PDB file of N, CA and C in Angstrom:
ATOM      1  N   MET A   1     -17.376  -2.952 -11.020  1.00  0.00           N
ATOM      2  CA  MET A   1     -16.140  -3.058 -10.272  1.00  0.00           C
ATOM      3  C   MET A   1     -16.239  -4.188  -9.258  1.00  0.00           C
ATOM      4  N   SER A   2     -15.115  -4.755  -8.999  1.00  0.00           N
ATOM      5  CA  SER A   2     -15.069  -5.816  -8.006  1.00  0.00           C
ATOM      6  C   SER A   2     -14.512  -5.279  -6.693  1.00  0.00           C
ATOM      7  N   ARG A   3     -14.519  -6.142  -5.710  1.00  0.00           N
ATOM      8  CA  ARG A   3     -14.022  -5.791  -4.385  1.00  0.00           C
ATOM      9  C   ARG A   3     -12.702  -6.520  -4.159  1.00  0.00           C
ATOM     10  N   VAL A   4     -11.734  -5.808  -3.596  1.00  0.00           N
ATOM     11  CA  VAL A   4     -10.431  -6.397  -3.325  1.00  0.00           C
ATOM     12  C   VAL A   4     -10.015  -6.005  -1.904  1.00  0.00           C
ATOM     13  N   THR A   5      -9.379  -6.943  -1.210  1.00  0.00           N
ATOM     14  CA  THR A   5      -8.816  -6.659   0.100  1.00  0.00           C
ATOM     15  C   THR A   5      -7.307  -6.638  -0.041  1.00  0.00           C
ATOM     16  N   LEU A   6      -6.700  -5.497   0.281  1.00  0.00           N
ATOM     17  CA  LEU A   6      -5.247  -5.404   0.270  1.00  0.00           C
ATOM     18  C   LEU A   6      -4.736  -5.762   1.652  1.00  0.00           C
ATOM     19  N   SER A   7      -3.830  -6.711   1.717  1.00  0.00           N
ATOM     20  CA  SER A   7      -3.183  -7.092   2.967  1.00  0.00           C
ATOM     21  C   SER A   7      -1.717  -6.710   2.879  1.00  0.00           C
ATOM     22  N   ILE A   8      -1.277  -5.948   3.860  1.00  0.00           N
ATOM     23  CA  ILE A   8       0.091  -5.446   3.889  1.00  0.00           C
ATOM     24  C   ILE A   8       0.762  -6.001   5.130  1.00  0.00           C
ATOM     25  N   PRO A   9       1.931  -6.558   5.076  1.00  0.00           N
ATOM     26  CA  PRO A   9       2.814  -6.560   3.920  1.00  0.00           C
ATOM     27  C   PRO A   9       2.374  -7.561   2.862  1.00  0.00           C
ATOM     28  N   MET A  10       2.563  -7.188   1.601  1.00  0.00           N
ATOM     29  CA  MET A  10       2.242  -8.077   0.484  1.00  0.00           C
ATOM     30  C   MET A  10       3.335  -9.121   0.307  1.00  0.00           C
ATOM     31  N   ILE A  11       4.555  -8.764   0.662  1.00  0.00           N
ATOM     32  CA  ILE A  11       5.706  -9.653   0.536  1.00  0.00           C
ATOM     33  C   ILE A  11       6.073 -10.102   1.942  1.00  0.00           C
ATOM     34  N   ALA A  12       6.080 -11.391   2.184  1.00  0.00           N
ATOM     35  CA  ALA A  12       6.417 -11.909   3.512  1.00  0.00           C
ATOM     36  C   ALA A  12       7.899 -11.691   3.800  1.00  0.00           C
ATOM     37  N   ALA A  13       8.175 -11.108   4.930  1.00  0.00           N
ATOM     38  CA  ALA A  13       9.565 -10.863   5.337  1.00  0.00           C
ATOM     39  C   ALA A  13      10.110 -12.096   6.058  1.00  0.00           C
ATOM     40  N   VAL A  14      11.373 -12.370   5.824  1.00  0.00           N
ATOM     41  CA  VAL A  14      12.035 -13.461   6.525  1.00  0.00           C
ATOM     42  C   VAL A  14      12.712 -12.842   7.736  1.00  0.00           C
ATOM     43  N   SER A  15      12.062 -12.972   8.884  1.00  0.00           N
ATOM     44  CA  SER A  15      12.555 -12.338  10.094  1.00  0.00           C
ATOM     45  C   SER A  15      12.076 -13.126  11.303  1.00  0.00           C
ATOM     46  N   PRO A  16      12.903 -13.182  12.350  1.00  0.00           N
ATOM     47  CA  PRO A  16      12.456 -13.873  13.555  1.00  0.00           C
ATOM     48  C   PRO A  16      11.372 -13.091  14.299  1.00  0.00           C
ATOM     49  N   VAL A  17      11.224 -11.804  13.965  1.00  0.00           N
ATOM     50  CA  VAL A  17      10.219 -10.959  14.589  1.00  0.00           C
ATOM     51  C   VAL A  17       8.973 -10.949  13.712  1.00  0.00           C
ATOM     52  N   GLU A  18       7.837 -11.256  14.321  1.00  0.00           N
ATOM     53  CA  GLU A  18       6.585 -11.264  13.566  1.00  0.00           C
ATOM     54  C   GLU A  18       6.198  -9.829  13.229  1.00  0.00           C
ATOM     55  N   SER A  19       5.929  -9.572  11.956  1.00  0.00           N
ATOM     56  CA  SER A  19       5.584  -8.219  11.538  1.00  0.00           C
ATOM     57  C   SER A  19       4.092  -7.961  11.726  1.00  0.00           C
ATOM     58  N   ARG A  20       3.774  -6.698  11.904  1.00  0.00           N
ATOM     59  CA  ARG A  20       2.381  -6.263  12.022  1.00  0.00           C
ATOM     60  C   ARG A  20       1.746  -6.321  10.641  1.00  0.00           C
ATOM     61  N   GLN A  21       0.508  -6.761  10.584  1.00  0.00           N
ATOM     62  CA  GLN A  21      -0.185  -6.837   9.307  1.00  0.00           C
ATOM     63  C   GLN A  21      -1.435  -5.981   9.370  1.00  0.00           C
ATOM     64  N   ILE A  22      -1.728  -5.276   8.268  1.00  0.00           N
ATOM     65  CA  ILE A  22      -2.941  -4.484   8.163  1.00  0.00           C
ATOM     66  C   ILE A  22      -3.652  -4.863   6.871  1.00  0.00           C
ATOM     67  N   SER A  23      -4.947  -4.585   6.829  1.00  0.00           N
ATOM     68  CA  SER A  23      -5.704  -4.840   5.605  1.00  0.00           C
ATOM     69  C   SER A  23      -6.806  -3.797   5.469  1.00  0.00           C
ATOM     70  N   ARG A  24      -7.275  -3.649   4.240  1.00  0.00           N
ATOM     71  CA  ARG A  24      -8.342  -2.681   3.948  1.00  0.00           C
ATOM     72  C   ARG A  24      -9.069  -3.143   2.700  1.00  0.00           C
ATOM     73  N   ASP A  25     -10.390  -2.983   2.716  1.00  0.00           N
ATOM     74  CA  ASP A  25     -11.215  -3.339   1.564  1.00  0.00           C
ATOM     75  C   ASP A  25     -11.368  -2.135   0.640  1.00  0.00           C
ATOM     76  N   PHE A  26     -11.304  -2.416  -0.655  1.00  0.00           N
ATOM     77  CA  PHE A  26     -11.465  -1.392  -1.676  1.00  0.00           C
ATOM     78  C   PHE A  26     -12.402  -1.903  -2.760  1.00  0.00           C
ATOM     79  N   GLN A  27     -13.062  -0.977  -3.430  1.00  0.00           N
ATOM     80  CA  GLN A  27     -13.750  -1.297  -4.669  1.00  0.00           C
ATOM     81  C   GLN A  27     -12.744  -1.012  -5.762  1.00  0.00           C
ATOM     82  N   GLY A  28     -12.424  -2.000  -6.556  1.00  0.00           N
ATOM     83  CA  GLY A  28     -11.420  -1.864  -7.596  1.00  0.00           C
ATOM     84  C   GLY A  28     -10.816  -3.219  -7.881  1.00  0.00           C
ATOM     85  N   ALA A  29      -9.774  -3.245  -8.678  1.00  0.00           N
ATOM     86  CA  ALA A  29      -9.136  -4.515  -9.023  1.00  0.00           C
ATOM     87  C   ALA A  29      -7.648  -4.299  -9.250  1.00  0.00           C
ATOM     88  N   LEU A  30      -6.868  -5.253  -8.782  1.00  0.00           N
ATOM     89  CA  LEU A  30      -5.432  -5.244  -9.047  1.00  0.00           C
ATOM     90  C   LEU A  30      -5.176  -5.808 -10.443  1.00  0.00           C
ATOM     91  N   PRO A  31      -4.159  -5.328 -11.119  1.00  0.00           N
ATOM     92  CA  PRO A  31      -3.834  -5.910 -12.428  1.00  0.00           C
ATOM     93  C   PRO A  31      -3.367  -7.353 -12.265  1.00  0.00           C
ATOM     94  N   ALA A  32      -3.576  -8.146 -13.284  1.00  0.00           N
ATOM     95  CA  ALA A  32      -3.192  -9.561 -13.236  1.00  0.00           C
ATOM     96  C   ALA A  32      -1.672  -9.747 -13.199  1.00  0.00           C
ATOM     97  N   VAL A  33      -0.946  -8.830 -13.780  1.00  0.00           N
ATOM     98  CA  VAL A  33       0.523  -8.888 -13.762  1.00  0.00           C
ATOM     99  C   VAL A  33       1.070  -7.606 -13.153  1.00  0.00           C
ATOM    100  N   GLU A  34       2.230  -7.720 -12.525  1.00  0.00           N
ATOM    101  CA  GLU A  34       2.914  -6.568 -11.921  1.00  0.00           C
ATOM    102  C   GLU A  34       2.086  -5.859 -10.854  1.00  0.00           C
ATOM    103  N   ALA A  35       1.340  -6.611 -10.048  1.00  0.00           N
ATOM    104  CA  ALA A  35       0.506  -6.011  -8.997  1.00  0.00           C
ATOM    105  C   ALA A  35       1.359  -5.286  -7.962  1.00  0.00           C
ATOM    106  N   VAL A  36       2.516  -5.840  -7.613  1.00  0.00           N
ATOM    107  CA  VAL A  36       3.392  -5.203  -6.627  1.00  0.00           C
ATOM    108  C   VAL A  36       3.906  -3.867  -7.159  1.00  0.00           C
ATOM    109  N   ALA A  37       4.340  -3.836  -8.403  1.00  0.00           N
ATOM    110  CA  ALA A  37       4.830  -2.593  -9.006  1.00  0.00           C
ATOM    111  C   ALA A  37       3.711  -1.552  -9.100  1.00  0.00           C
ATOM    112  N   PHE A  38       2.512  -1.998  -9.436  1.00  0.00           N
ATOM    113  CA  PHE A  38       1.360  -1.098  -9.519  1.00  0.00           C
ATOM    114  C   PHE A  38       1.061  -0.479  -8.161  1.00  0.00           C
ATOM    115  N   LEU A  39       1.021  -1.306  -7.129  1.00  0.00           N
ATOM    116  CA  LEU A  39       0.743  -0.812  -5.786  1.00  0.00           C
ATOM    117  C   LEU A  39       1.872   0.090  -5.292  1.00  0.00           C
ATOM    118  N   ALA A  40       3.116  -0.256  -5.596  1.00  0.00           N
ATOM    119  CA  ALA A  40       4.250   0.576  -5.193  1.00  0.00           C
ATOM    120  C   ALA A  40       4.159   1.962  -5.834  1.00  0.00           C
ATOM    121  N   SER A  41       3.682   2.043  -7.072  1.00  0.00           N
ATOM    122  CA  SER A  41       3.540   3.352  -7.722  1.00  0.00           C
ATOM    123  C   SER A  41       2.481   4.197  -7.018  1.00  0.00           C
ATOM    124  N   ILE A  42       1.420   3.570  -6.526  1.00  0.00           N
ATOM    125  CA  ILE A  42       0.393   4.292  -5.764  1.00  0.00           C
ATOM    126  C   ILE A  42       0.991   4.796  -4.451  1.00  0.00           C
ATOM    127  N   ILE A  43       1.792   3.964  -3.793  1.00  0.00           N
ATOM    128  CA  ILE A  43       2.428   4.359  -2.533  1.00  0.00           C
ATOM    129  C   ILE A  43       3.364   5.550  -2.767  1.00  0.00           C
ATOM    130  N   ARG A  44       4.179   5.484  -3.816  1.00  0.00           N
ATOM    131  CA  ARG A  44       5.089   6.601  -4.127  1.00  0.00           C
ATOM    132  C   ARG A  44       4.304   7.898  -4.358  1.00  0.00           C
ATOM    133  N   ASP A  45       3.245   7.800  -5.133  1.00  0.00           N
ATOM    134  CA  ASP A  45       2.394   8.948  -5.415  1.00  0.00           C
ATOM    135  C   ASP A  45       1.792   9.493  -4.118  1.00  0.00           C
ATOM    136  N   GLY A  46       1.324   8.598  -3.263  1.00  0.00           N
ATOM    137  CA  GLY A  46       0.694   9.013  -2.012  1.00  0.00           C
ATOM    138  C   GLY A  46       1.659   9.645  -1.036  1.00  0.00           C
ATOM    139  N   LEU A  47       2.883   9.126  -0.953  1.00  0.00           N
ATOM    140  CA  LEU A  47       3.879   9.707  -0.043  1.00  0.00           C
ATOM    141  C   LEU A  47       4.234  11.128  -0.472  1.00  0.00           C
ATOM    142  N   GLU A  48       4.365  11.316  -1.776  1.00  0.00           N
ATOM    143  CA  GLU A  48       4.662  12.658  -2.276  1.00  0.00           C
ATOM    144  C   GLU A  48       3.482  13.593  -2.036  1.00  0.00           C
ATOM    145  N   SER A  49       2.283  13.125  -2.315  1.00  0.00           N
ATOM    146  CA  SER A  49       1.080  13.933  -2.145  1.00  0.00           C
ATOM    147  C   SER A  49       0.877  14.349  -0.688  1.00  0.00           C
ATOM    148  N   ALA A  50       1.207  13.458   0.244  1.00  0.00           N
ATOM    149  CA  ALA A  50       1.035  13.740   1.671  1.00  0.00           C
ATOM    150  C   ALA A  50       2.242  14.459   2.272  1.00  0.00           C
ATOM    151  N   HIS A  51       3.263  14.721   1.460  1.00  0.00           N
ATOM    152  CA  HIS A  51       4.505  15.335   1.940  1.00  0.00           C
ATOM    153  C   HIS A  51       5.066  14.555   3.120  1.00  0.00           C
ATOM    154  N   TYR A  52       5.067  13.232   2.968  1.00  0.00           N
ATOM    155  CA  TYR A  52       5.587  12.338   4.004  1.00  0.00           C
ATOM    156  C   TYR A  52       7.065  12.656   4.243  1.00  0.00           C
ATOM    157  N   PRO A  53       7.515  12.679   5.506  1.00  0.00           N
ATOM    158  CA  PRO A  53       8.932  12.981   5.768  1.00  0.00           C
ATOM    159  C   PRO A  53       9.857  12.062   4.961  1.00  0.00           C
ATOM    160  N   GLU A  54      10.814  12.664   4.304  1.00  0.00           N
ATOM    161  CA  GLU A  54      11.816  11.950   3.514  1.00  0.00           C
ATOM    162  C   GLU A  54      11.207  11.163   2.346  1.00  0.00           C
ATOM    163  N   TYR A  55      10.062  11.611   1.832  1.00  0.00           N
ATOM    164  CA  TYR A  55       9.417  10.866   0.760  1.00  0.00           C
ATOM    165  C   TYR A  55      10.315  10.717  -0.468  1.00  0.00           C
ATOM    166  N   GLN A  56      11.170  11.682  -0.741  1.00  0.00           N
ATOM    167  CA  GLN A  56      12.040  11.568  -1.917  1.00  0.00           C
ATOM    168  C   GLN A  56      13.012  10.400  -1.767  1.00  0.00           C
ATOM    169  N   ARG A  57      13.565  10.221  -0.587  1.00  0.00           N
ATOM    170  CA  ARG A  57      14.468   9.092  -0.343  1.00  0.00           C
ATOM    171  C   ARG A  57      13.681   7.770  -0.368  1.00  0.00           C
ATOM    172  N   LEU A  58      12.493   7.771   0.218  1.00  0.00           N
ATOM    173  CA  LEU A  58      11.682   6.559   0.252  1.00  0.00           C
ATOM    174  C   LEU A  58      11.236   6.138  -1.143  1.00  0.00           C
ATOM    175  N   ASN A  59      10.985   7.112  -2.007  1.00  0.00           N
ATOM    176  CA  ASN A  59      10.536   6.799  -3.368  1.00  0.00           C
ATOM    177  C   ASN A  59      11.586   6.042  -4.174  1.00  0.00           C
ATOM    178  N   GLU A  60      12.838   6.116  -3.758  1.00  0.00           N
ATOM    179  CA  GLU A  60      13.916   5.418  -4.464  1.00  0.00           C
ATOM    180  C   GLU A  60      14.054   3.958  -4.033  1.00  0.00           C
ATOM    181  N   LEU A  61      13.333   3.561  -2.986  1.00  0.00           N
ATOM    182  CA  LEU A  61      13.443   2.188  -2.488  1.00  0.00           C
ATOM    183  C   LEU A  61      12.703   1.214  -3.407  1.00  0.00           C
ATOM    184  N   SER A  62      12.998  -0.065  -3.244  1.00  0.00           N
ATOM    185  CA  SER A  62      12.416  -1.083  -4.127  1.00  0.00           C
ATOM    186  C   SER A  62      10.906  -1.224  -3.924  1.00  0.00           C
ATOM    187  N   ASP A  63      10.243  -1.711  -4.958  1.00  0.00           N
ATOM    188  CA  ASP A  63       8.800  -1.974  -4.884  1.00  0.00           C
ATOM    189  C   ASP A  63       8.488  -2.944  -3.755  1.00  0.00           C
ATOM    190  N   ASP A  64       9.268  -4.019  -3.640  1.00  0.00           N
ATOM    191  CA  ASP A  64       9.029  -5.027  -2.607  1.00  0.00           C
ATOM    192  C   ASP A  64       9.090  -4.427  -1.215  1.00  0.00           C
ATOM    193  N   TYR A  65      10.035  -3.512  -0.991  1.00  0.00           N
ATOM    194  CA  TYR A  65      10.150  -2.867   0.311  1.00  0.00           C
ATOM    195  C   TYR A  65       8.915  -2.013   0.599  1.00  0.00           C
ATOM    196  N   LEU A  66       8.515  -1.203  -0.372  1.00  0.00           N
ATOM    197  CA  LEU A  66       7.381  -0.295  -0.159  1.00  0.00           C
ATOM    198  C   LEU A  66       6.101  -1.041   0.188  1.00  0.00           C
ATOM    199  N   VAL A  67       5.831  -2.158  -0.480  1.00  0.00           N
ATOM    200  CA  VAL A  67       4.582  -2.879  -0.214  1.00  0.00           C
ATOM    201  C   VAL A  67       4.662  -3.745   1.042  1.00  0.00           C
ATOM    202  N   SER A  68       5.792  -3.687   1.731  1.00  0.00           N
ATOM    203  CA  SER A  68       5.910  -4.437   2.983  1.00  0.00           C
ATOM    204  C   SER A  68       5.873  -3.528   4.206  1.00  0.00           C
ATOM    205  N   GLN A  69       5.780  -2.219   3.997  1.00  0.00           N
ATOM    206  CA  GLN A  69       5.833  -1.258   5.098  1.00  0.00           C
ATOM    207  C   GLN A  69       4.442  -0.708   5.424  1.00  0.00           C
ATOM    208  N   THR A  70       3.874  -1.184   6.520  1.00  0.00           N
ATOM    209  CA  THR A  70       2.505  -0.789   6.884  1.00  0.00           C
ATOM    210  C   THR A  70       2.370   0.714   7.120  1.00  0.00           C
ATOM    211  N   ALA A  71       3.374   1.341   7.722  1.00  0.00           N
ATOM    212  CA  ALA A  71       3.294   2.779   8.001  1.00  0.00           C
ATOM    213  C   ALA A  71       3.240   3.588   6.710  1.00  0.00           C
ATOM    214  N   LEU A  72       3.984   3.171   5.712  1.00  0.00           N
ATOM    215  CA  LEU A  72       3.992   3.897   4.437  1.00  0.00           C
ATOM    216  C   LEU A  72       2.680   3.719   3.697  1.00  0.00           C
ATOM    217  N   VAL A  73       2.184   2.492   3.655  1.00  0.00           N
ATOM    218  CA  VAL A  73       0.938   2.216   2.924  1.00  0.00           C
ATOM    219  C   VAL A  73      -0.233   2.945   3.579  1.00  0.00           C
ATOM    220  N   SER A  74      -0.289   2.916   4.898  1.00  0.00           N
ATOM    221  CA  SER A  74      -1.420   3.561   5.585  1.00  0.00           C
ATOM    222  C   SER A  74      -1.330   5.084   5.545  1.00  0.00           C
ATOM    223  N   ALA A  75      -0.180   5.643   5.162  1.00  0.00           N
ATOM    224  CA  ALA A  75      -0.030   7.100   5.048  1.00  0.00           C
ATOM    225  C   ALA A  75      -0.557   7.649   3.728  1.00  0.00           C
ATOM    226  N   VAL A  76      -0.866   6.776   2.788  1.00  0.00           N
ATOM    227  CA  VAL A  76      -1.366   7.221   1.477  1.00  0.00           C
ATOM    228  C   VAL A  76      -2.781   7.773   1.658  1.00  0.00           C
ATOM    229  N   PRO A  77      -3.007   9.040   1.278  1.00  0.00           N
ATOM    230  CA  PRO A  77      -4.340   9.640   1.434  1.00  0.00           C
ATOM    231  C   PRO A  77      -5.388   8.958   0.551  1.00  0.00           C
ATOM    232  N   ASP A  78      -6.633   8.991   1.013  1.00  0.00           N
ATOM    233  CA  ASP A  78      -7.726   8.350   0.275  1.00  0.00           C
ATOM    234  C   ASP A  78      -7.859   8.874  -1.148  1.00  0.00           C
ATOM    235  N   HIS A  79      -7.649  10.180  -1.366  1.00  0.00           N
ATOM    236  CA  HIS A  79      -7.828  10.719  -2.723  1.00  0.00           C
ATOM    237  C   HIS A  79      -6.824  10.119  -3.712  1.00  0.00           C
ATOM    238  N   VAL A  80      -5.659   9.689  -3.226  1.00  0.00           N
ATOM    239  CA  VAL A  80      -4.678   9.048  -4.107  1.00  0.00           C
ATOM    240  C   VAL A  80      -5.156   7.647  -4.473  1.00  0.00           C
ATOM    241  N   TRP A  81      -5.702   6.909  -3.506  1.00  0.00           N
ATOM    242  CA  TRP A  81      -6.258   5.583  -3.809  1.00  0.00           C
ATOM    243  C   TRP A  81      -7.369   5.718  -4.849  1.00  0.00           C
ATOM    244  N   ILE A  82      -8.269   6.686  -4.643  1.00  0.00           N
ATOM    245  CA  ILE A  82      -9.406   6.876  -5.543  1.00  0.00           C
ATOM    246  C   ILE A  82      -8.927   7.257  -6.941  1.00  0.00           C
ATOM    247  N   ARG A  83      -7.949   8.161  -7.026  1.00  0.00           N
ATOM    248  CA  ARG A  83      -7.413   8.586  -8.319  1.00  0.00           C
ATOM    249  C   ARG A  83      -6.817   7.410  -9.098  1.00  0.00           C
ATOM    250  N   ASN A  84      -6.361   6.381  -8.361  1.00  0.00           N
ATOM    251  CA  ASN A  84      -5.760   5.212  -8.994  1.00  0.00           C
ATOM    252  C   ASN A  84      -6.724   4.032  -9.110  1.00  0.00           C
ATOM    253  N   GLY A  85      -8.011   4.294  -8.929  1.00  0.00           N
ATOM    254  CA  GLY A  85      -9.033   3.279  -9.180  1.00  0.00           C
ATOM    255  C   GLY A  85      -9.406   2.405  -7.999  1.00  0.00           C
ATOM    256  N   PHE A  86      -9.051   2.818  -6.779  1.00  0.00           N
ATOM    257  CA  PHE A  86      -9.388   2.051  -5.577  1.00  0.00           C
ATOM    258  C   PHE A  86     -10.209   2.916  -4.629  1.00  0.00           C
ATOM    259  N   VAL A  87     -11.504   2.635  -4.549  1.00  0.00           N
ATOM    260  CA  VAL A  87     -12.374   3.385  -3.656  1.00  0.00           C
ATOM    261  C   VAL A  87     -12.383   2.676  -2.302  1.00  0.00           C
ATOM    262  N   PRO A  88     -11.913   3.348  -1.234  1.00  0.00           N
ATOM    263  CA  PRO A  88     -11.882   2.714   0.089  1.00  0.00           C
ATOM    264  C   PRO A  88     -13.294   2.376   0.572  1.00  0.00           C
ATOM    265  N   LEU A  89     -13.447   1.156   1.108  1.00  0.00           N
ATOM    266  CA  LEU A  89     -14.718   0.719   1.661  1.00  0.00           C
ATOM    267  C   LEU A  89     -14.671   0.625   3.183  1.00  0.00           C
ATOM    268  N   GLY A  90     -13.645   1.153   3.772  1.00  0.00           N
ATOM    269  CA  GLY A  90     -13.479   1.128   5.218  1.00  0.00           C
ATOM    270  C   GLY A  90     -12.099   1.661   5.557  1.00  0.00           C
ATOM    271  N   GLU A  91     -11.719   1.501   6.802  1.00  0.00           N
ATOM    272  CA  GLU A  91     -10.420   1.965   7.282  1.00  0.00           C
ATOM    273  C   GLU A  91      -9.447   0.806   7.323  1.00  0.00           C
ATOM    274  N   TRP A  92      -8.156   1.115   7.496  1.00  0.00           N
ATOM    275  CA  TRP A  92      -7.136   0.091   7.685  1.00  0.00           C
ATOM    276  C   TRP A  92      -7.407  -0.587   9.020  1.00  0.00           C
ATOM    277  N   ARG A  93      -7.290  -1.911   9.061  1.00  0.00           N
ATOM    278  CA  ARG A  93      -7.490  -2.646  10.311  1.00  0.00           C
ATOM    279  C   ARG A  93      -6.329  -3.595  10.516  1.00  0.00           C
ATOM    280  N   SER A  94      -6.028  -3.851  11.776  1.00  0.00           N
ATOM    281  CA  SER A  94      -4.917  -4.753  12.115  1.00  0.00           C
ATOM    282  C   SER A  94      -5.288  -6.189  11.811  1.00  0.00           C
ATOM    283  N   GLY A  95      -4.304  -6.922  11.273  1.00  0.00           N
ATOM    284  CA  GLY A  95      -4.521  -8.331  10.965  1.00  0.00           C
ATOM    285  C   GLY A  95      -4.138  -9.217  12.139  1.00  0.00           C
ATOM    286  N   HIS A  96      -2.899  -9.109  12.617  1.00  0.00           N
ATOM    287  CA  HIS A  96      -2.424  -9.818  13.808  1.00  0.00           C
ATOM    288  C   HIS A  96      -1.133  -9.291  14.289  1.00  0.00           C
TER     289      HIS A  96
END
């Protein structure tokens, strides 16, 4: 297995306000195609698993939106990451 660092948001937002960025190292690999959709499916699974407030409404949002929301990504429990082939190698850390 290789090592990958996920940096969130994955999609840069066009906004005058600078967004908070987080990152985390994992053992695993992103697919070469449809990486955003793959990660969004993990987020949806994790929100449901954690019984995140309003997860059903959030699950209907676009993939691009989900991978840009640091609070949603960091709410995904470790067991969901592991079940999807990403073993956490540390905690989420602030980027800037």
